[in-house]
Amino acid sequence: MGLFSRKKVTDYESDLTRFMREFLARHPEEVASQRQGRAAWWDKTAAERAPAPSMSHAPRAGGYEHTFEPSGGAEHTFGVDDNSEA
């Protein structure tokens, strides 16, 4: 063993942990009460949860620039080229 070796303590149990273990062993109805409390706050089905908010108010991500109509200008006023084969 080295000068600063530590002995591993595996049998330690705090007073609070011992109290809770013994209390719950003597009062099994408290376990059922704990489960009911958890179910009231956490264990819910998807239908019981609040619906997802609408994202219509959220801004769109980039990449939609090509969907805008041209605002006008000389490059958009000309018709088909008269010299084209089409």
N, C-alpha and C. Protein backbone atom coordinates (compact mmCIF):
# COMPACT_ATOMS: atom_id res chain seq x y z
N MET A 1 0.84 -1.18 0.00
CA MET A 1 0.00 0.00 0.00
C MET A 1 0.88 1.24 0.00
N GLY A 2 0.44 2.22 -0.73
CA GLY A 2 1.20 3.45 -0.82
C GLY A 2 0.94 4.34 0.39
N LEU A 3 1.64 5.41 0.40
CA LEU A 3 1.54 6.35 1.50
C LEU A 3 0.16 7.03 1.56
N PHE A 4 -0.43 7.30 0.38
CA PHE A 4 -1.71 8.00 0.33
C PHE A 4 -2.84 7.11 -0.22
N SER A 5 -2.75 5.82 -0.01
CA SER A 5 -3.80 4.94 -0.53
C SER A 5 -5.09 5.12 0.28
N ARG A 6 -6.18 4.92 -0.40
CA ARG A 6 -7.47 5.09 0.24
C ARG A 6 -8.17 3.73 0.32
N LYS A 7 -8.79 3.48 1.42
CA LYS A 7 -9.55 2.26 1.58
C LYS A 7 -10.95 2.51 1.02
N LYS A 8 -11.40 1.64 0.15
CA LYS A 8 -12.71 1.81 -0.46
C LYS A 8 -13.78 1.41 0.55
N VAL A 9 -14.69 2.33 0.81
CA VAL A 9 -15.76 2.08 1.77
C VAL A 9 -17.03 1.80 0.98
N THR A 10 -17.54 0.59 1.08
CA THR A 10 -18.73 0.21 0.34
C THR A 10 -19.93 -0.01 1.24
N ASP A 11 -19.73 -0.11 2.53
CA ASP A 11 -20.83 -0.39 3.45
C ASP A 11 -21.43 0.87 4.05
N TYR A 12 -21.02 2.03 3.61
CA TYR A 12 -21.53 3.27 4.19
C TYR A 12 -22.96 3.53 3.71
N GLU A 13 -23.80 3.95 4.63
CA GLU A 13 -25.17 4.35 4.32
C GLU A 13 -25.48 5.56 5.19
N SER A 14 -25.90 6.64 4.55
CA SER A 14 -26.18 7.86 5.32
C SER A 14 -27.40 7.66 6.20
N ASP A 15 -27.53 8.51 7.19
CA ASP A 15 -28.66 8.45 8.11
C ASP A 15 -29.98 8.66 7.36
N LEU A 16 -29.98 9.60 6.43
CA LEU A 16 -31.19 9.88 5.67
C LEU A 16 -31.59 8.69 4.80
N THR A 17 -30.62 8.07 4.15
CA THR A 17 -30.91 6.90 3.31
C THR A 17 -31.45 5.76 4.16
N ARG A 18 -30.84 5.52 5.31
CA ARG A 18 -31.31 4.46 6.20
C ARG A 18 -32.72 4.76 6.69
N PHE A 19 -32.99 6.01 7.07
CA PHE A 19 -34.32 6.39 7.54
C PHE A 19 -35.36 6.16 6.45
N MET A 20 -35.08 6.61 5.23
CA MET A 20 -36.04 6.47 4.14
C MET A 20 -36.29 4.99 3.81
N ARG A 21 -35.24 4.18 3.78
CA ARG A 21 -35.40 2.75 3.50
C ARG A 21 -36.27 2.09 4.56
N GLU A 22 -36.01 2.38 5.84
CA GLU A 22 -36.79 1.78 6.93
C GLU A 22 -38.22 2.33 6.95
N PHE A 23 -38.38 3.62 6.70
CA PHE A 23 -39.71 4.22 6.70
C PHE A 23 -40.58 3.61 5.61
N LEU A 24 -40.04 3.49 4.40
CA LEU A 24 -40.81 2.94 3.29
C LEU A 24 -41.10 1.45 3.50
N ALA A 25 -40.23 0.74 4.22
CA ALA A 25 -40.50 -0.66 4.53
C ALA A 25 -41.66 -0.77 5.52
N ARG A 26 -41.76 0.18 6.45
CA ARG A 26 -42.85 0.16 7.43
C ARG A 26 -44.15 0.74 6.88
N HIS A 27 -44.07 1.60 5.87
CA HIS A 27 -45.25 2.27 5.31
C HIS A 27 -45.31 2.07 3.80
N PRO A 28 -45.74 0.89 3.34
CA PRO A 28 -45.78 0.64 1.89
C PRO A 28 -46.82 1.50 1.16
N GLU A 29 -47.78 2.06 1.89
CA GLU A 29 -48.77 2.91 1.23
C GLU A 29 -48.14 4.20 0.71
N GLU A 30 -47.02 4.60 1.29
CA GLU A 30 -46.33 5.80 0.81
C GLU A 30 -45.73 5.61 -0.58
N VAL A 31 -45.36 4.38 -0.90
CA VAL A 31 -44.82 4.10 -2.24
C VAL A 31 -45.92 4.31 -3.27
N ALA A 32 -47.13 3.84 -2.95
CA ALA A 32 -48.26 4.05 -3.87
C ALA A 32 -48.57 5.54 -4.00
N SER A 33 -48.48 6.27 -2.90
CA SER A 33 -48.72 7.71 -2.94
C SER A 33 -47.67 8.41 -3.80
N GLN A 34 -46.43 7.97 -3.70
CA GLN A 34 -45.37 8.55 -4.53
C GLN A 34 -45.66 8.31 -6.01
N ARG A 35 -46.14 7.12 -6.34
CA ARG A 35 -46.44 6.81 -7.74
C ARG A 35 -47.60 7.67 -8.25
N GLN A 36 -48.59 7.89 -7.41
CA GLN A 36 -49.71 8.75 -7.82
C GLN A 36 -49.24 10.18 -8.04
N GLY A 37 -48.38 10.67 -7.18
CA GLY A 37 -47.85 12.02 -7.34
C GLY A 37 -47.02 12.16 -8.60
N ARG A 38 -46.24 11.14 -8.89
CA ARG A 38 -45.44 11.19 -10.12
C ARG A 38 -46.36 11.17 -11.34
N ALA A 39 -47.38 10.35 -11.31
CA ALA A 39 -48.29 10.25 -12.45
C ALA A 39 -49.01 11.58 -12.68
N ALA A 40 -49.31 12.30 -11.60
CA ALA A 40 -50.02 13.57 -11.75
C ALA A 40 -49.17 14.60 -12.48
N TRP A 41 -47.86 14.54 -12.31
CA TRP A 41 -47.00 15.56 -12.90
C TRP A 41 -46.24 15.10 -14.12
N TRP A 42 -45.85 13.83 -14.19
CA TRP A 42 -44.90 13.41 -15.22
C TRP A 42 -45.44 12.36 -16.17
N ASP A 43 -46.13 11.35 -15.69
CA ASP A 43 -46.53 10.23 -16.53
C ASP A 43 -47.81 10.57 -17.29
N LYS A 44 -47.66 11.18 -18.44
CA LYS A 44 -48.80 11.60 -19.24
C LYS A 44 -48.68 11.04 -20.65
N THR A 45 -49.83 10.80 -21.24
CA THR A 45 -49.83 10.36 -22.64
C THR A 45 -49.68 11.58 -23.54
N ALA A 46 -49.46 11.33 -24.81
CA ALA A 46 -49.29 12.44 -25.76
C ALA A 46 -50.56 13.29 -25.84
N ALA A 47 -51.73 12.65 -25.70
CA ALA A 47 -52.99 13.40 -25.77
C ALA A 47 -53.16 14.32 -24.56
N GLU A 48 -52.60 13.94 -23.42
CA GLU A 48 -52.72 14.76 -22.21
C GLU A 48 -51.74 15.93 -22.19
N ARG A 49 -50.68 15.81 -22.97
CA ARG A 49 -49.70 16.89 -23.01
C ARG A 49 -50.24 18.06 -23.82
N ALA A 50 -49.65 19.20 -23.64
CA ALA A 50 -50.03 20.38 -24.43
C ALA A 50 -49.62 20.16 -25.88
N PRO A 51 -50.44 20.56 -26.83
CA PRO A 51 -50.06 20.38 -28.24
C PRO A 51 -48.87 21.27 -28.59
N ALA A 52 -48.17 20.88 -29.60
CA ALA A 52 -47.01 21.65 -30.05
C ALA A 52 -47.49 23.01 -30.58
N PRO A 53 -46.77 24.07 -30.29
CA PRO A 53 -47.20 25.38 -30.78
C PRO A 53 -47.05 25.49 -32.29
N SER A 54 -47.88 26.32 -32.89
CA SER A 54 -47.80 26.55 -34.32
C SER A 54 -46.52 27.30 -34.63
N MET A 55 -45.87 26.92 -35.69
CA MET A 55 -44.62 27.57 -36.07
C MET A 55 -44.83 28.59 -37.18
N SER A 56 -46.07 28.99 -37.42
CA SER A 56 -46.32 29.95 -38.49
C SER A 56 -45.73 31.32 -38.19
N HIS A 57 -45.48 31.62 -36.93
CA HIS A 57 -44.91 32.91 -36.56
C HIS A 57 -43.39 32.91 -36.68
N ALA A 58 -42.79 31.74 -36.81
CA ALA A 58 -41.33 31.64 -36.83
C ALA A 58 -40.80 32.05 -38.20
N PRO A 59 -39.65 32.70 -38.24
CA PRO A 59 -39.08 33.07 -39.54
C PRO A 59 -38.58 31.83 -40.27
N ARG A 60 -38.59 31.88 -41.58
CA ARG A 60 -38.10 30.77 -42.37
C ARG A 60 -36.58 30.77 -42.37
N ALA A 61 -36.05 29.60 -42.60
CA ALA A 61 -34.61 29.47 -42.74
C ALA A 61 -34.20 30.02 -44.11
N GLY A 62 -32.94 30.23 -44.31
CA GLY A 62 -32.45 30.74 -45.58
C GLY A 62 -32.68 29.78 -46.72
N GLY A 63 -32.52 30.23 -47.93
CA GLY A 63 -32.67 29.39 -49.10
C GLY A 63 -33.94 29.65 -49.87
N TYR A 64 -34.76 30.60 -49.44
CA TYR A 64 -36.02 30.88 -50.12
C TYR A 64 -35.91 32.11 -51.03
N GLU A 65 -34.70 32.56 -51.28
CA GLU A 65 -34.53 33.78 -52.08
C GLU A 65 -35.05 33.59 -53.50
N HIS A 66 -34.98 32.37 -54.03
CA HIS A 66 -35.41 32.14 -55.41
C HIS A 66 -36.92 32.16 -55.57
N THR A 67 -37.68 32.19 -54.50
CA THR A 67 -39.13 32.19 -54.60
C THR A 67 -39.71 33.59 -54.78
N PHE A 68 -38.89 34.60 -54.61
CA PHE A 68 -39.38 35.98 -54.75
C PHE A 68 -39.53 36.35 -56.22
N GLU A 69 -40.57 37.07 -56.51
CA GLU A 69 -40.78 37.56 -57.87
C GLU A 69 -39.82 38.73 -58.12
N PRO A 70 -39.32 38.86 -59.35
CA PRO A 70 -38.45 40.00 -59.64
C PRO A 70 -39.22 41.32 -59.46
N SER A 71 -38.53 42.30 -58.95
CA SER A 71 -39.18 43.58 -58.68
C SER A 71 -39.34 44.43 -59.95
N GLY A 72 -38.84 43.96 -61.04
CA GLY A 72 -38.93 44.72 -62.28
C GLY A 72 -37.58 45.32 -62.63
N GLY A 73 -37.45 45.79 -63.80
CA GLY A 73 -36.17 46.33 -64.24
C GLY A 73 -35.99 46.00 -65.70
N ALA A 74 -35.00 46.57 -66.29
CA ALA A 74 -34.79 46.42 -67.74
C ALA A 74 -34.54 44.98 -68.13
N GLU A 75 -33.88 44.20 -67.32
CA GLU A 75 -33.56 42.82 -67.71
C GLU A 75 -34.81 41.93 -67.77
N HIS A 76 -35.91 42.38 -67.18
CA HIS A 76 -37.13 41.56 -67.19
C HIS A 76 -38.19 42.11 -68.14
N THR A 77 -37.89 43.17 -68.88
CA THR A 77 -38.89 43.77 -69.75
C THR A 77 -38.81 43.30 -71.18
N PHE A 78 -37.73 42.65 -71.57
CA PHE A 78 -37.56 42.23 -72.95
C PHE A 78 -38.27 40.90 -73.19
N GLY A 79 -38.78 40.73 -74.37
CA GLY A 79 -39.41 39.49 -74.76
C GLY A 79 -38.36 38.49 -75.24
N VAL A 80 -38.83 37.47 -75.94
CA VAL A 80 -37.94 36.45 -76.46
C VAL A 80 -37.08 37.08 -77.55
N ASP A 81 -35.84 36.64 -77.62
CA ASP A 81 -34.90 37.16 -78.61
C ASP A 81 -35.40 36.82 -80.01
N ASP A 82 -35.43 37.83 -80.91
CA ASP A 82 -35.91 37.62 -82.25
C ASP A 82 -35.03 36.68 -83.06
N ASN A 83 -33.78 36.52 -82.72
CA ASN A 83 -32.86 35.69 -83.46
C ASN A 83 -32.84 34.26 -82.96
N SER A 84 -33.65 33.92 -82.00
CA SER A 84 -33.60 32.55 -81.44
C SER A 84 -34.31 31.59 -82.37
N GLU A 85 -34.00 30.32 -82.25
CA GLU A 85 -34.58 29.27 -83.08
C GLU A 85 -35.96 28.86 -82.59
N ALA A 86 -36.32 29.15 -81.39
CA ALA A 86 -37.58 28.68 -80.80
C ALA A 86 -38.77 29.34 -81.34
